[in-house]
Amino acid sequence: MEKNQIDDINAQILKLRTALPIWGVEANDLVELARNAERAAIHVDERTMQRMRGLIETTTGWHNTLLYWEEQDAAPALSADIRVIRGSLDAMRAEVAAAAAKFTS
């Protein structure tokens, strides 16, 4: 990898590290809303479903970007960072997708 590419990736990773806790809170809120709606036997409102879809789309986009970066023969430390962040995004995305799936069928 070229130095400018590595610098760009590092800058993007810093942004992701800032966004991950925010997305995590959003994911927790959305999953809890879905569980509450399920317990109350009501439908999740469209606004909540849009929030779920938006979070899934955002995390999927970043997942694909991280996967691409991982395939670029990054240094071991950078590659480890990428895998850890991707794993966090995958877990978050899976939780939200599972909650959303209960209401889309």
N, C-alpha and C. Protein backbone atom coordinates (compact mmCIF):
# COMPACT_ATOMS: atom_id res chain seq x y z
N MET A 1 0.83 -1.18 0.00
CA MET A 1 0.00 0.00 0.00
C MET A 1 0.87 1.25 0.00
N GLU A 2 0.41 2.26 -0.68
CA GLU A 2 1.13 3.53 -0.71
C GLU A 2 0.84 4.32 0.56
N LYS A 3 1.79 5.19 0.92
CA LYS A 3 1.66 5.96 2.15
C LYS A 3 0.42 6.84 2.15
N ASN A 4 0.11 7.50 1.03
CA ASN A 4 -1.08 8.36 1.01
C ASN A 4 -2.36 7.54 1.17
N GLN A 5 -2.38 6.32 0.63
CA GLN A 5 -3.53 5.44 0.79
C GLN A 5 -3.67 5.02 2.26
N ILE A 6 -2.55 4.69 2.89
CA ILE A 6 -2.56 4.31 4.30
C ILE A 6 -3.01 5.48 5.16
N ASP A 7 -2.53 6.67 4.86
CA ASP A 7 -2.94 7.86 5.62
C ASP A 7 -4.44 8.11 5.49
N ASP A 8 -4.97 7.92 4.27
CA ASP A 8 -6.40 8.10 4.05
C ASP A 8 -7.20 7.06 4.84
N ILE A 9 -6.76 5.83 4.81
CA ILE A 9 -7.45 4.76 5.55
C ILE A 9 -7.41 5.06 7.04
N ASN A 10 -6.26 5.48 7.55
CA ASN A 10 -6.15 5.81 8.97
C ASN A 10 -7.10 6.94 9.35
N ALA A 11 -7.22 7.94 8.50
CA ALA A 11 -8.15 9.05 8.76
C ALA A 11 -9.58 8.55 8.79
N GLN A 12 -9.93 7.67 7.87
CA GLN A 12 -11.29 7.11 7.84
C GLN A 12 -11.56 6.22 9.05
N ILE A 13 -10.55 5.48 9.50
CA ILE A 13 -10.70 4.64 10.68
C ILE A 13 -10.95 5.49 11.92
N LEU A 14 -10.28 6.63 12.01
CA LEU A 14 -10.53 7.54 13.13
C LEU A 14 -11.99 8.00 13.13
N LYS A 15 -12.53 8.31 11.96
CA LYS A 15 -13.94 8.70 11.86
C LYS A 15 -14.84 7.55 12.28
N LEU A 16 -14.50 6.34 11.85
CA LEU A 16 -15.31 5.17 12.22
C LEU A 16 -15.29 4.94 13.73
N ARG A 17 -14.12 5.10 14.34
CA ARG A 17 -14.02 4.92 15.79
C ARG A 17 -14.89 5.92 16.54
N THR A 18 -15.05 7.10 15.97
CA THR A 18 -15.94 8.10 16.56
C THR A 18 -17.39 7.72 16.35
N ALA A 19 -17.71 7.20 15.18
CA ALA A 19 -19.10 6.88 14.84
C ALA A 19 -19.59 5.59 15.48
N LEU A 20 -18.73 4.62 15.71
CA LEU A 20 -19.16 3.31 16.23
C LEU A 20 -19.99 3.40 17.51
N PRO A 21 -19.55 4.16 18.52
CA PRO A 21 -20.39 4.23 19.73
C PRO A 21 -21.75 4.87 19.47
N ILE A 22 -21.81 5.83 18.59
CA ILE A 22 -23.07 6.49 18.25
C ILE A 22 -23.99 5.48 17.56
N TRP A 23 -23.45 4.75 16.59
CA TRP A 23 -24.23 3.73 15.89
C TRP A 23 -24.65 2.62 16.84
N GLY A 24 -23.77 2.29 17.80
CA GLY A 24 -24.10 1.26 18.78
C GLY A 24 -25.31 1.65 19.62
N VAL A 25 -25.34 2.89 20.07
CA VAL A 25 -26.49 3.38 20.84
C VAL A 25 -27.75 3.35 19.97
N GLU A 26 -27.62 3.79 18.74
CA GLU A 26 -28.76 3.77 17.81
C GLU A 26 -29.25 2.34 17.60
N ALA A 27 -28.33 1.40 17.41
CA ALA A 27 -28.70 0.00 17.22
C ALA A 27 -29.42 -0.53 18.45
N ASN A 28 -28.89 -0.24 19.63
CA ASN A 28 -29.54 -0.70 20.86
C ASN A 28 -30.95 -0.14 20.99
N ASP A 29 -31.10 1.15 20.71
CA ASP A 29 -32.42 1.78 20.78
C ASP A 29 -33.40 1.12 19.82
N LEU A 30 -32.95 0.89 18.59
CA LEU A 30 -33.83 0.31 17.58
C LEU A 30 -34.23 -1.12 17.93
N VAL A 31 -33.27 -1.89 18.41
CA VAL A 31 -33.57 -3.28 18.78
C VAL A 31 -34.55 -3.28 19.96
N GLU A 32 -34.34 -2.40 20.92
CA GLU A 32 -35.26 -2.33 22.07
C GLU A 32 -36.66 -1.90 21.65
N LEU A 33 -36.74 -0.92 20.76
CA LEU A 33 -38.06 -0.52 20.24
C LEU A 33 -38.77 -1.68 19.57
N ALA A 34 -38.01 -2.44 18.77
CA ALA A 34 -38.61 -3.58 18.08
C ALA A 34 -39.07 -4.64 19.07
N ARG A 35 -38.27 -4.90 20.09
CA ARG A 35 -38.66 -5.91 21.10
C ARG A 35 -39.89 -5.46 21.87
N ASN A 36 -39.93 -4.18 22.22
CA ASN A 36 -41.11 -3.65 22.92
C ASN A 36 -42.36 -3.78 22.07
N ALA A 37 -42.22 -3.46 20.79
CA ALA A 37 -43.37 -3.58 19.89
C ALA A 37 -43.80 -5.03 19.76
N GLU A 38 -42.85 -5.93 19.69
CA GLU A 38 -43.19 -7.35 19.59
C GLU A 38 -43.92 -7.82 20.86
N ARG A 39 -43.43 -7.42 22.03
CA ARG A 39 -44.08 -7.81 23.29
C ARG A 39 -45.49 -7.25 23.38
N ALA A 40 -45.67 -6.04 22.86
CA ALA A 40 -46.99 -5.41 22.91
C ALA A 40 -47.88 -5.84 21.74
N ALA A 41 -47.34 -6.67 20.87
CA ALA A 41 -48.07 -7.18 19.70
C ALA A 41 -48.56 -6.04 18.81
N ILE A 42 -47.69 -5.06 18.61
CA ILE A 42 -48.00 -3.96 17.69
C ILE A 42 -46.92 -3.88 16.64
N HIS A 43 -47.20 -3.15 15.60
CA HIS A 43 -46.23 -2.96 14.53
C HIS A 43 -45.25 -1.84 14.88
N VAL A 44 -44.04 -1.99 14.39
CA VAL A 44 -43.07 -0.91 14.50
C VAL A 44 -43.47 0.16 13.50
N ASP A 45 -43.44 1.40 13.91
CA ASP A 45 -43.86 2.47 13.00
C ASP A 45 -42.86 2.65 11.86
N GLU A 46 -43.30 3.29 10.81
CA GLU A 46 -42.48 3.44 9.60
C GLU A 46 -41.20 4.23 9.88
N ARG A 47 -41.27 5.20 10.75
CA ARG A 47 -40.07 6.01 11.07
C ARG A 47 -38.98 5.13 11.68
N THR A 48 -39.38 4.23 12.58
CA THR A 48 -38.42 3.31 13.19
C THR A 48 -37.85 2.36 12.14
N MET A 49 -38.70 1.86 11.26
CA MET A 49 -38.22 0.98 10.19
C MET A 49 -37.24 1.72 9.28
N GLN A 50 -37.51 2.98 8.99
CA GLN A 50 -36.59 3.76 8.16
C GLN A 50 -35.25 3.94 8.88
N ARG A 51 -35.29 4.17 10.18
CA ARG A 51 -34.04 4.29 10.96
C ARG A 51 -33.26 2.98 10.90
N MET A 52 -33.98 1.86 11.02
CA MET A 52 -33.32 0.55 10.94
C MET A 52 -32.67 0.34 9.58
N ARG A 53 -33.43 0.62 8.53
CA ARG A 53 -32.89 0.44 7.17
C ARG A 53 -31.69 1.35 6.95
N GLY A 54 -31.78 2.59 7.43
CA GLY A 54 -30.67 3.52 7.27
C GLY A 54 -29.41 3.05 7.97
N LEU A 55 -29.56 2.55 9.19
CA LEU A 55 -28.40 2.05 9.92
C LEU A 55 -27.82 0.82 9.25
N ILE A 56 -28.67 -0.06 8.77
CA ILE A 56 -28.19 -1.26 8.07
C ILE A 56 -27.44 -0.85 6.79
N GLU A 57 -27.99 0.09 6.04
CA GLU A 57 -27.32 0.54 4.81
C GLU A 57 -25.97 1.19 5.11
N THR A 58 -25.92 2.02 6.14
CA THR A 58 -24.67 2.69 6.50
C THR A 58 -23.62 1.68 6.92
N THR A 59 -23.99 0.76 7.81
CA THR A 59 -23.01 -0.21 8.29
C THR A 59 -22.61 -1.19 7.20
N THR A 60 -23.52 -1.50 6.29
CA THR A 60 -23.18 -2.38 5.17
C THR A 60 -22.17 -1.69 4.25
N GLY A 61 -22.38 -0.41 3.98
CA GLY A 61 -21.44 0.34 3.14
C GLY A 61 -20.05 0.36 3.76
N TRP A 62 -19.99 0.64 5.05
CA TRP A 62 -18.68 0.65 5.72
C TRP A 62 -18.09 -0.75 5.79
N HIS A 63 -18.91 -1.75 5.99
CA HIS A 63 -18.41 -3.13 5.99
C HIS A 63 -17.71 -3.44 4.66
N ASN A 64 -18.36 -3.09 3.56
CA ASN A 64 -17.78 -3.34 2.24
C ASN A 64 -16.48 -2.57 2.04
N THR A 65 -16.44 -1.32 2.52
CA THR A 65 -15.22 -0.52 2.42
C THR A 65 -14.10 -1.17 3.23
N LEU A 66 -14.41 -1.59 4.44
CA LEU A 66 -13.40 -2.23 5.28
C LEU A 66 -12.91 -3.53 4.67
N LEU A 67 -13.82 -4.29 4.08
CA LEU A 67 -13.44 -5.53 3.42
C LEU A 67 -12.48 -5.25 2.27
N TYR A 68 -12.77 -4.22 1.50
CA TYR A 68 -11.89 -3.83 0.40
C TYR A 68 -10.51 -3.45 0.93
N TRP A 69 -10.48 -2.64 1.99
CA TRP A 69 -9.20 -2.24 2.57
C TRP A 69 -8.42 -3.44 3.07
N GLU A 70 -9.12 -4.39 3.67
CA GLU A 70 -8.46 -5.57 4.21
C GLU A 70 -7.79 -6.39 3.10
N GLU A 71 -8.38 -6.36 1.92
CA GLU A 71 -7.83 -7.11 0.78
C GLU A 71 -6.65 -6.41 0.12
N GLN A 72 -6.29 -5.23 0.58
CA GLN A 72 -5.23 -4.44 -0.05
C GLN A 72 -3.85 -4.67 0.54
N ASP A 73 -3.66 -5.76 1.25
CA ASP A 73 -2.35 -6.09 1.84
C ASP A 73 -1.87 -5.01 2.79
N ALA A 74 -2.72 -4.64 3.73
CA ALA A 74 -2.34 -3.65 4.73
C ALA A 74 -1.35 -4.27 5.71
N ALA A 75 -0.63 -3.41 6.41
CA ALA A 75 0.28 -3.88 7.45
C ALA A 75 -0.52 -4.64 8.51
N PRO A 76 0.11 -5.57 9.22
CA PRO A 76 -0.63 -6.39 10.19
C PRO A 76 -1.44 -5.58 11.22
N ALA A 77 -0.87 -4.52 11.76
CA ALA A 77 -1.59 -3.72 12.77
C ALA A 77 -2.83 -3.06 12.16
N LEU A 78 -2.69 -2.50 10.97
CA LEU A 78 -3.81 -1.86 10.30
C LEU A 78 -4.86 -2.90 9.92
N SER A 79 -4.41 -4.03 9.44
CA SER A 79 -5.32 -5.11 9.07
C SER A 79 -6.11 -5.59 10.29
N ALA A 80 -5.46 -5.68 11.45
CA ALA A 80 -6.15 -6.07 12.68
C ALA A 80 -7.19 -5.04 13.07
N ASP A 81 -6.84 -3.76 12.97
CA ASP A 81 -7.80 -2.68 13.24
C ASP A 81 -9.03 -2.81 12.36
N ILE A 82 -8.78 -3.04 11.09
CA ILE A 82 -9.86 -3.16 10.12
C ILE A 82 -10.77 -4.33 10.48
N ARG A 83 -10.19 -5.48 10.83
CA ARG A 83 -10.99 -6.66 11.17
C ARG A 83 -11.82 -6.43 12.43
N VAL A 84 -11.26 -5.77 13.42
CA VAL A 84 -11.99 -5.52 14.67
C VAL A 84 -13.18 -4.59 14.41
N ILE A 85 -12.95 -3.53 13.66
CA ILE A 85 -14.04 -2.59 13.36
C ILE A 85 -15.10 -3.27 12.51
N ARG A 86 -14.67 -4.06 11.54
CA ARG A 86 -15.63 -4.77 10.68
C ARG A 86 -16.46 -5.75 11.51
N GLY A 87 -15.82 -6.43 12.46
CA GLY A 87 -16.55 -7.35 13.32
C GLY A 87 -17.60 -6.63 14.16
N SER A 88 -17.26 -5.45 14.66
CA SER A 88 -18.21 -4.66 15.43
C SER A 88 -19.39 -4.23 14.57
N LEU A 89 -19.10 -3.78 13.36
CA LEU A 89 -20.17 -3.38 12.45
C LEU A 89 -21.06 -4.56 12.09
N ASP A 90 -20.45 -5.72 11.86
CA ASP A 90 -21.22 -6.91 11.50
C ASP A 90 -22.18 -7.30 12.62
N ALA A 91 -21.70 -7.27 13.86
CA ALA A 91 -22.54 -7.64 14.99
C ALA A 91 -23.71 -6.66 15.13
N MET A 92 -23.42 -5.38 15.00
CA MET A 92 -24.45 -4.35 15.10
C MET A 92 -25.49 -4.53 13.99
N ARG A 93 -25.01 -4.74 12.80
CA ARG A 93 -25.89 -4.90 11.64
C ARG A 93 -26.77 -6.14 11.79
N ALA A 94 -26.20 -7.22 12.30
CA ALA A 94 -26.96 -8.46 12.47
C ALA A 94 -28.08 -8.27 13.49
N GLU A 95 -27.80 -7.58 14.58
CA GLU A 95 -28.82 -7.34 15.61
C GLU A 95 -29.99 -6.52 15.05
N VAL A 96 -29.66 -5.45 14.36
CA VAL A 96 -30.70 -4.58 13.81
C VAL A 96 -31.48 -5.32 12.71
N ALA A 97 -30.78 -6.05 11.86
CA ALA A 97 -31.45 -6.79 10.79
C ALA A 97 -32.39 -7.85 11.35
N ALA A 98 -31.97 -8.53 12.40
CA ALA A 98 -32.82 -9.56 13.02
C ALA A 98 -34.07 -8.92 13.61
N ALA A 99 -33.91 -7.78 14.25
CA ALA A 99 -35.07 -7.08 14.83
C ALA A 99 -36.00 -6.61 13.71
N ALA A 100 -35.43 -6.04 12.65
CA ALA A 100 -36.25 -5.54 11.56
C ALA A 100 -36.97 -6.68 10.83
N ALA A 101 -36.34 -7.83 10.72
CA ALA A 101 -36.92 -8.95 10.00
C ALA A 101 -38.23 -9.44 10.63
N LYS A 102 -38.35 -9.25 11.93
CA LYS A 102 -39.59 -9.67 12.60
C LYS A 102 -40.79 -8.87 12.13
N PHE A 103 -40.55 -7.70 11.57
CA PHE A 103 -41.64 -6.81 11.21
C PHE A 103 -41.78 -6.60 9.72
N THR A 104 -40.91 -7.21 8.92
CA THR A 104 -41.00 -7.02 7.48
C THR A 104 -41.67 -8.19 6.77
N SER A 105 -41.91 -9.25 7.50
CA SER A 105 -42.53 -10.41 6.84
C SER A 105 -44.02 -10.43 7.03
